[in-house]
Amino acid sequence: MDCTNCTYDKQCRKTEPCKATSFDRDEVISKYAEESEIVQAAAELVDFGRAGTLSRLQETIAFAKKMEYKRIGLAYCYGMEKQVKQITEIIRSNGLNVRPVSCTVGGLPQNEVNPESSICNVSCNPIGQAHQLNHENVDLVVMIGLCMGHDILFQREVKADCTTLVVKDRIYNHAPLNELKTYTHERN
């Protein structure tokens, strides 16, 4: 399936399945029924003219409140600690309990996490980060700038619902879509 090169006249946008669809529609619809609380909370952020009126941070706070999450875990890159302090204060000022946990939690040496590494500095520890936030009994985890690959390891281990606030992109100041502008400029 390649939806970007649809040969079925974008039937999905007309509430009709295309011939390339291979999942069971009834099974999927029943899954949405099981997750109706999240479906409704997400719809409140998008439907009824609200789409585009809130920042991602504002959406995260509104969603957490709607879902009645009590403890919010922040899984963050230590390189973004200054910003995470600000984010923590904003979330706390909205009445939520915040548990920020740095990627260097536990102080593991790089060469112990990755025996092929000759670096002896502190290592990122996304698995330990997830375990710590599991121990903190957080209801929602917000990922902030975790490295590529580390985010995958983290998500495999964390037990709470998880969303992303910031995707790390060192080249484009954490806005990966800015790279698309380079392709536009190259073609002109």
C-alpha atoms as a PDB file:
ATOM      1  CA  MET A   1       0.000   0.000   0.000  1.00  0.00           C
ATOM      2  CA  ASP A   2       1.185   3.489  -0.841  1.00  0.00           C
ATOM      3  CA  CYS A   3      -1.520   5.995   0.034  1.00  0.00           C
ATOM      4  CA  THR A   4       0.532   8.886  -1.344  1.00  0.00           C
ATOM      5  CA  ASN A   5       0.204   7.373  -4.817  1.00  0.00           C
ATOM      6  CA  CYS A   6      -3.376   6.164  -4.532  1.00  0.00           C
ATOM      7  CA  THR A   7      -4.834   4.531  -7.626  1.00  0.00           C
ATOM      8  CA  TYR A   8      -8.295   4.181  -6.053  1.00  0.00           C
ATOM      9  CA  ASP A   9      -9.454   7.825  -6.302  1.00  0.00           C
ATOM     10  CA  LYS A  10      -8.863   8.429  -2.564  1.00  0.00           C
ATOM     11  CA  GLN A  11     -11.935   6.377  -1.634  1.00  0.00           C
ATOM     12  CA  CYS A  12     -10.908   6.481   2.025  1.00  0.00           C
ATOM     13  CA  ARG A  13     -11.646  10.208   2.099  1.00  0.00           C
ATOM     14  CA  LYS A  14     -15.187   9.393   0.984  1.00  0.00           C
ATOM     15  CA  THR A  15     -15.663   6.898   3.877  1.00  0.00           C
ATOM     16  CA  GLU A  16     -15.208   3.936   1.547  1.00  0.00           C
ATOM     17  CA  PRO A  17     -12.442   1.325   1.797  1.00  0.00           C
ATOM     18  CA  CYS A  18     -10.139   0.971  -1.170  1.00  0.00           C
ATOM     19  CA  LYS A  19      -9.152  -2.349  -2.666  1.00  0.00           C
ATOM     20  CA  ALA A  20      -5.684  -2.091  -1.092  1.00  0.00           C
ATOM     21  CA  THR A  21      -7.035  -2.182   2.478  1.00  0.00           C
ATOM     22  CA  SER A  22      -6.125  -5.448   4.182  1.00  0.00           C
ATOM     23  CA  PHE A  23      -7.418  -5.073   7.740  1.00  0.00           C
ATOM     24  CA  ASP A  24     -10.763  -6.124   9.148  1.00  0.00           C
ATOM     25  CA  ARG A  25     -12.884  -2.962   9.437  1.00  0.00           C
ATOM     26  CA  ASP A  26     -15.231  -4.423  12.065  1.00  0.00           C
ATOM     27  CA  GLU A  27     -12.286  -5.479  14.213  1.00  0.00           C
ATOM     28  CA  VAL A  28     -10.774  -1.991  13.995  1.00  0.00           C
ATOM     29  CA  ILE A  29     -14.075  -0.307  14.831  1.00  0.00           C
ATOM     30  CA  SER A  30     -14.474  -2.560  17.871  1.00  0.00           C
ATOM     31  CA  LYS A  31     -10.972  -1.541  19.036  1.00  0.00           C
ATOM     32  CA  TYR A  32     -12.037   2.116  18.857  1.00  0.00           C
ATOM     33  CA  ALA A  33     -15.066   1.238  20.997  1.00  0.00           C
ATOM     34  CA  GLU A  34     -12.688  -0.260  23.583  1.00  0.00           C
ATOM     35  CA  GLU A  35     -10.675   2.982  23.566  1.00  0.00           C
ATOM     36  CA  SER A  36     -13.644   5.346  23.501  1.00  0.00           C
ATOM     37  CA  GLU A  37     -12.296   7.524  26.337  1.00  0.00           C
ATOM     38  CA  ILE A  38      -9.121   8.348  24.401  1.00  0.00           C
ATOM     39  CA  VAL A  39     -11.073   8.723  21.155  1.00  0.00           C
ATOM     40  CA  GLN A  40     -13.374  11.300  22.782  1.00  0.00           C
ATOM     41  CA  ALA A  41     -10.524  13.202  24.477  1.00  0.00           C
ATOM     42  CA  ALA A  42      -8.635  13.403  21.173  1.00  0.00           C
ATOM     43  CA  ALA A  43     -11.767  14.480  19.311  1.00  0.00           C
ATOM     44  CA  GLU A  44     -12.263  17.390  21.717  1.00  0.00           C
ATOM     45  CA  LEU A  45      -8.850  18.720  20.666  1.00  0.00           C
ATOM     46  CA  VAL A  46      -9.573  18.487  16.947  1.00  0.00           C
ATOM     47  CA  ASP A  47     -13.299  18.657  16.334  1.00  0.00           C
ATOM     48  CA  PHE A  48     -15.663  21.621  16.632  1.00  0.00           C
ATOM     49  CA  GLY A  49     -13.193  24.168  15.284  1.00  0.00           C
ATOM     50  CA  ARG A  50     -10.470  23.596  17.887  1.00  0.00           C
ATOM     51  CA  ALA A  51      -7.901  22.178  15.464  1.00  0.00           C
ATOM     52  CA  GLY A  52      -5.032  24.620  15.162  1.00  0.00           C
ATOM     53  CA  THR A  53      -5.984  26.687  18.202  1.00  0.00           C
ATOM     54  CA  LEU A  54      -3.651  25.075  20.736  1.00  0.00           C
ATOM     55  CA  SER A  55       0.092  24.418  20.772  1.00  0.00           C
ATOM     56  CA  ARG A  56       1.243  20.829  21.208  1.00  0.00           C
ATOM     57  CA  LEU A  57       2.069  21.568  24.870  1.00  0.00           C
ATOM     58  CA  GLN A  58      -1.390  23.070  25.419  1.00  0.00           C
ATOM     59  CA  GLU A  59      -2.967  20.048  23.738  1.00  0.00           C
ATOM     60  CA  THR A  60      -0.957  17.708  25.952  1.00  0.00           C
ATOM     61  CA  ILE A  61      -2.130  19.482  29.109  1.00  0.00           C
ATOM     62  CA  ALA A  62      -5.759  19.595  27.946  1.00  0.00           C
ATOM     63  CA  PHE A  63      -5.639  15.911  26.987  1.00  0.00           C
ATOM     64  CA  ALA A  64      -4.086  14.932  30.335  1.00  0.00           C
ATOM     65  CA  LYS A  65      -6.793  16.813  32.220  1.00  0.00           C
ATOM     66  CA  LYS A  66      -9.601  15.327  30.110  1.00  0.00           C
ATOM     67  CA  MET A  67      -8.207  11.832  30.687  1.00  0.00           C
ATOM     68  CA  GLU A  68      -7.816  12.636  34.397  1.00  0.00           C
ATOM     69  CA  TYR A  69      -4.165  11.638  34.361  1.00  0.00           C
ATOM     70  CA  LYS A  70      -2.649  12.538  37.728  1.00  0.00           C
ATOM     71  CA  ARG A  71       1.074  11.953  37.187  1.00  0.00           C
ATOM     72  CA  ILE A  72       2.816  13.096  34.062  1.00  0.00           C
ATOM     73  CA  GLY A  73       6.264  11.679  33.353  1.00  0.00           C
ATOM     74  CA  LEU A  74       8.691  13.639  31.223  1.00  0.00           C
ATOM     75  CA  ALA A  75      11.276  11.424  29.517  1.00  0.00           C
ATOM     76  CA  TYR A  76      13.822  13.927  28.287  1.00  0.00           C
ATOM     77  CA  CYS A  77      17.258  14.369  26.803  1.00  0.00           C
ATOM     78  CA  TYR A  78      19.638  15.977  29.289  1.00  0.00           C
ATOM     79  CA  GLY A  79      20.612  18.450  26.559  1.00  0.00           C
ATOM     80  CA  MET A  80      17.112  19.933  26.826  1.00  0.00           C
ATOM     81  CA  GLU A  81      17.034  20.253  30.597  1.00  0.00           C
ATOM     82  CA  LYS A  82      16.643  24.044  30.526  1.00  0.00           C
ATOM     83  CA  GLN A  83      13.526  23.745  28.352  1.00  0.00           C
ATOM     84  CA  VAL A  84      12.238  20.811  30.408  1.00  0.00           C
ATOM     85  CA  LYS A  85      12.411  22.929  33.574  1.00  0.00           C
ATOM     86  CA  GLN A  86      10.140  25.446  31.850  1.00  0.00           C
ATOM     87  CA  ILE A  87       7.815  22.722  30.581  1.00  0.00           C
ATOM     88  CA  THR A  88       7.670  21.212  34.075  1.00  0.00           C
ATOM     89  CA  GLU A  89       6.629  24.538  35.587  1.00  0.00           C
ATOM     90  CA  ILE A  90       3.973  25.101  32.911  1.00  0.00           C
ATOM     91  CA  ILE A  91       2.473  21.649  33.465  1.00  0.00           C
ATOM     92  CA  ARG A  92       2.609  22.055  37.267  1.00  0.00           C
ATOM     93  CA  SER A  93       0.955  25.461  37.037  1.00  0.00           C
ATOM     94  CA  ASN A  94      -1.940  23.642  35.359  1.00  0.00           C
ATOM     95  CA  GLY A  95      -2.438  21.477  38.442  1.00  0.00           C
ATOM     96  CA  LEU A  96      -0.691  18.330  37.290  1.00  0.00           C
ATOM     97  CA  ASN A  97       1.963  16.311  39.119  1.00  0.00           C
ATOM     98  CA  VAL A  98       5.129  16.067  37.000  1.00  0.00           C
ATOM     99  CA  ARG A  99       7.989  13.556  37.184  1.00  0.00           C
ATOM    100  CA  PRO A 100      10.853  14.616  34.864  1.00  0.00           C
ATOM    101  CA  VAL A 101      13.462  11.898  34.321  1.00  0.00           C
ATOM    102  CA  SER A 102      16.672  12.572  32.384  1.00  0.00           C
ATOM    103  CA  CYS A 103      18.114  10.153  29.844  1.00  0.00           C
ATOM    104  CA  THR A 104      21.253   9.877  32.002  1.00  0.00           C
ATOM    105  CA  VAL A 105      19.319   8.477  34.984  1.00  0.00           C
ATOM    106  CA  GLY A 106      21.399   5.883  36.796  1.00  0.00           C
ATOM    107  CA  GLY A 107      24.738   7.231  35.554  1.00  0.00           C
ATOM    108  CA  LEU A 108      25.599   4.212  33.414  1.00  0.00           C
ATOM    109  CA  PRO A 109      28.949   4.359  31.592  1.00  0.00           C
ATOM    110  CA  GLN A 110      28.687   4.310  27.798  1.00  0.00           C
ATOM    111  CA  ASN A 111      31.044   1.345  27.448  1.00  0.00           C
ATOM    112  CA  GLU A 112      28.856  -0.758  29.776  1.00  0.00           C
ATOM    113  CA  VAL A 113      25.670  -0.019  27.827  1.00  0.00           C
ATOM    114  CA  ASN A 114      27.442  -0.574  24.514  1.00  0.00           C
ATOM    115  CA  PRO A 115      30.493  -2.838  24.907  1.00  0.00           C
ATOM    116  CA  GLU A 116      31.631  -1.873  21.390  1.00  0.00           C
ATOM    117  CA  SER A 117      31.994   1.756  22.451  1.00  0.00           C
ATOM    118  CA  SER A 118      35.304   3.176  23.591  1.00  0.00           C
ATOM    119  CA  ILE A 119      33.592   6.210  25.115  1.00  0.00           C
ATOM    120  CA  CYS A 120      33.799   6.244  28.899  1.00  0.00           C
ATOM    121  CA  ASN A 121      31.342   9.115  29.484  1.00  0.00           C
ATOM    122  CA  VAL A 122      27.836   8.738  30.848  1.00  0.00           C
ATOM    123  CA  SER A 123      25.444   6.954  28.516  1.00  0.00           C
ATOM    124  CA  CYS A 124      21.875   7.696  27.625  1.00  0.00           C
ATOM    125  CA  ASN A 125      19.746   5.155  29.450  1.00  0.00           C
ATOM    126  CA  PRO A 126      16.287   4.993  27.829  1.00  0.00           C
ATOM    127  CA  ILE A 127      15.525   1.584  29.332  1.00  0.00           C
ATOM    128  CA  GLY A 128      16.375   2.839  32.819  1.00  0.00           C
ATOM    129  CA  GLN A 129      14.347   5.984  32.111  1.00  0.00           C
ATOM    130  CA  ALA A 130      11.302   3.859  31.277  1.00  0.00           C
ATOM    131  CA  HIS A 131      11.808   1.660  34.330  1.00  0.00           C
ATOM    132  CA  GLN A 132      12.093   4.726  36.573  1.00  0.00           C
ATOM    133  CA  LEU A 133       8.896   6.235  35.181  1.00  0.00           C
ATOM    134  CA  ASN A 134       7.149   2.865  35.567  1.00  0.00           C
ATOM    135  CA  HIS A 135       8.272   2.908  39.217  1.00  0.00           C
ATOM    136  CA  GLU A 136       6.899   6.463  39.570  1.00  0.00           C
ATOM    137  CA  ASN A 137       3.486   5.115  38.465  1.00  0.00           C
ATOM    138  CA  VAL A 138       2.970   7.846  35.886  1.00  0.00           C
ATOM    139  CA  ASP A 139      -0.260   7.878  33.897  1.00  0.00           C
ATOM    140  CA  LEU A 140       1.142   9.626  30.829  1.00  0.00           C
ATOM    141  CA  VAL A 141       4.682   9.950  29.531  1.00  0.00           C
ATOM    142  CA  VAL A 142       5.732  12.884  27.377  1.00  0.00           C
ATOM    143  CA  MET A 143       8.917  12.276  25.393  1.00  0.00           C
ATOM    144  CA  ILE A 144      11.120  15.310  24.881  1.00  0.00           C
ATOM    145  CA  GLY A 145      14.069  15.041  22.516  1.00  0.00           C
ATOM    146  CA  LEU A 146      15.032  11.396  22.951  1.00  0.00           C
ATOM    147  CA  CYS A 147      17.615  10.243  20.422  1.00  0.00           C
ATOM    148  CA  MET A 148      16.648   8.127  17.436  1.00  0.00           C
ATOM    149  CA  GLY A 149      16.687   4.505  18.563  1.00  0.00           C
ATOM    150  CA  HIS A 150      16.608   5.488  22.219  1.00  0.00           C
ATOM    151  CA  ASP A 151      12.981   6.543  21.720  1.00  0.00           C
ATOM    152  CA  ILE A 152      12.214   3.050  20.404  1.00  0.00           C
ATOM    153  CA  LEU A 153      13.908   1.322  23.333  1.00  0.00           C
ATOM    154  CA  PHE A 154      12.080   3.647  25.717  1.00  0.00           C
ATOM    155  CA  GLN A 155       8.665   2.968  24.173  1.00  0.00           C
ATOM    156  CA  ARG A 156       9.219  -0.776  24.297  1.00  0.00           C
ATOM    157  CA  GLU A 157       9.771  -0.604  28.067  1.00  0.00           C
ATOM    158  CA  VAL A 158       7.420   2.110  29.347  1.00  0.00           C
ATOM    159  CA  LYS A 159       4.048   0.932  30.622  1.00  0.00           C
ATOM    160  CA  ALA A 160       2.086   4.215  30.604  1.00  0.00           C
ATOM    161  CA  ASP A 161       0.393   5.931  27.702  1.00  0.00           C
ATOM    162  CA  CYS A 162       3.057   7.814  25.759  1.00  0.00           C
ATOM    163  CA  THR A 163       3.179  10.844  23.472  1.00  0.00           C
ATOM    164  CA  THR A 164       5.884  13.016  21.937  1.00  0.00           C
ATOM    165  CA  LEU A 165       6.296  16.730  22.550  1.00  0.00           C
ATOM    166  CA  VAL A 166       9.697  17.263  20.913  1.00  0.00           C
ATOM    167  CA  VAL A 167      11.465  15.132  18.314  1.00  0.00           C
ATOM    168  CA  LYS A 168      15.232  15.552  18.388  1.00  0.00           C
ATOM    169  CA  ASP A 169      16.649  17.038  15.210  1.00  0.00           C
ATOM    170  CA  ARG A 170      19.991  18.692  15.839  1.00  0.00           C
ATOM    171  CA  ILE A 171      20.221  20.073  12.295  1.00  0.00           C
ATOM    172  CA  TYR A 172      16.794  21.745  12.159  1.00  0.00           C
ATOM    173  CA  ASN A 173      16.430  22.895  15.782  1.00  0.00           C
ATOM    174  CA  HIS A 174      14.049  20.039  16.616  1.00  0.00           C
ATOM    175  CA  ALA A 175      11.692  20.771  13.726  1.00  0.00           C
ATOM    176  CA  PRO A 176      12.351  17.880  11.308  1.00  0.00           C
ATOM    177  CA  LEU A 177       9.859  19.093   8.716  1.00  0.00           C
ATOM    178  CA  ASN A 178      12.133  22.046   8.027  1.00  0.00           C
ATOM    179  CA  GLU A 179      14.266  19.675   5.963  1.00  0.00           C
ATOM    180  CA  LEU A 180      11.501  19.611   3.362  1.00  0.00           C
ATOM    181  CA  LYS A 181      12.258  23.263   2.629  1.00  0.00           C
ATOM    182  CA  THR A 182      15.723  22.265   1.406  1.00  0.00           C
ATOM    183  CA  TYR A 183      14.174  19.957  -1.190  1.00  0.00           C
ATOM    184  CA  THR A 184      11.856  22.733  -2.368  1.00  0.00           C
ATOM    185  CA  HIS A 185      14.788  25.140  -2.730  1.00  0.00           C
ATOM    186  CA  GLU A 186      16.887  22.554  -4.595  1.00  0.00           C
ATOM    187  CA  ARG A 187      14.195  22.087  -7.235  1.00  0.00           C
ATOM    188  CA  ASN A 188      13.671  25.812  -7.902  1.00  0.00           C
END
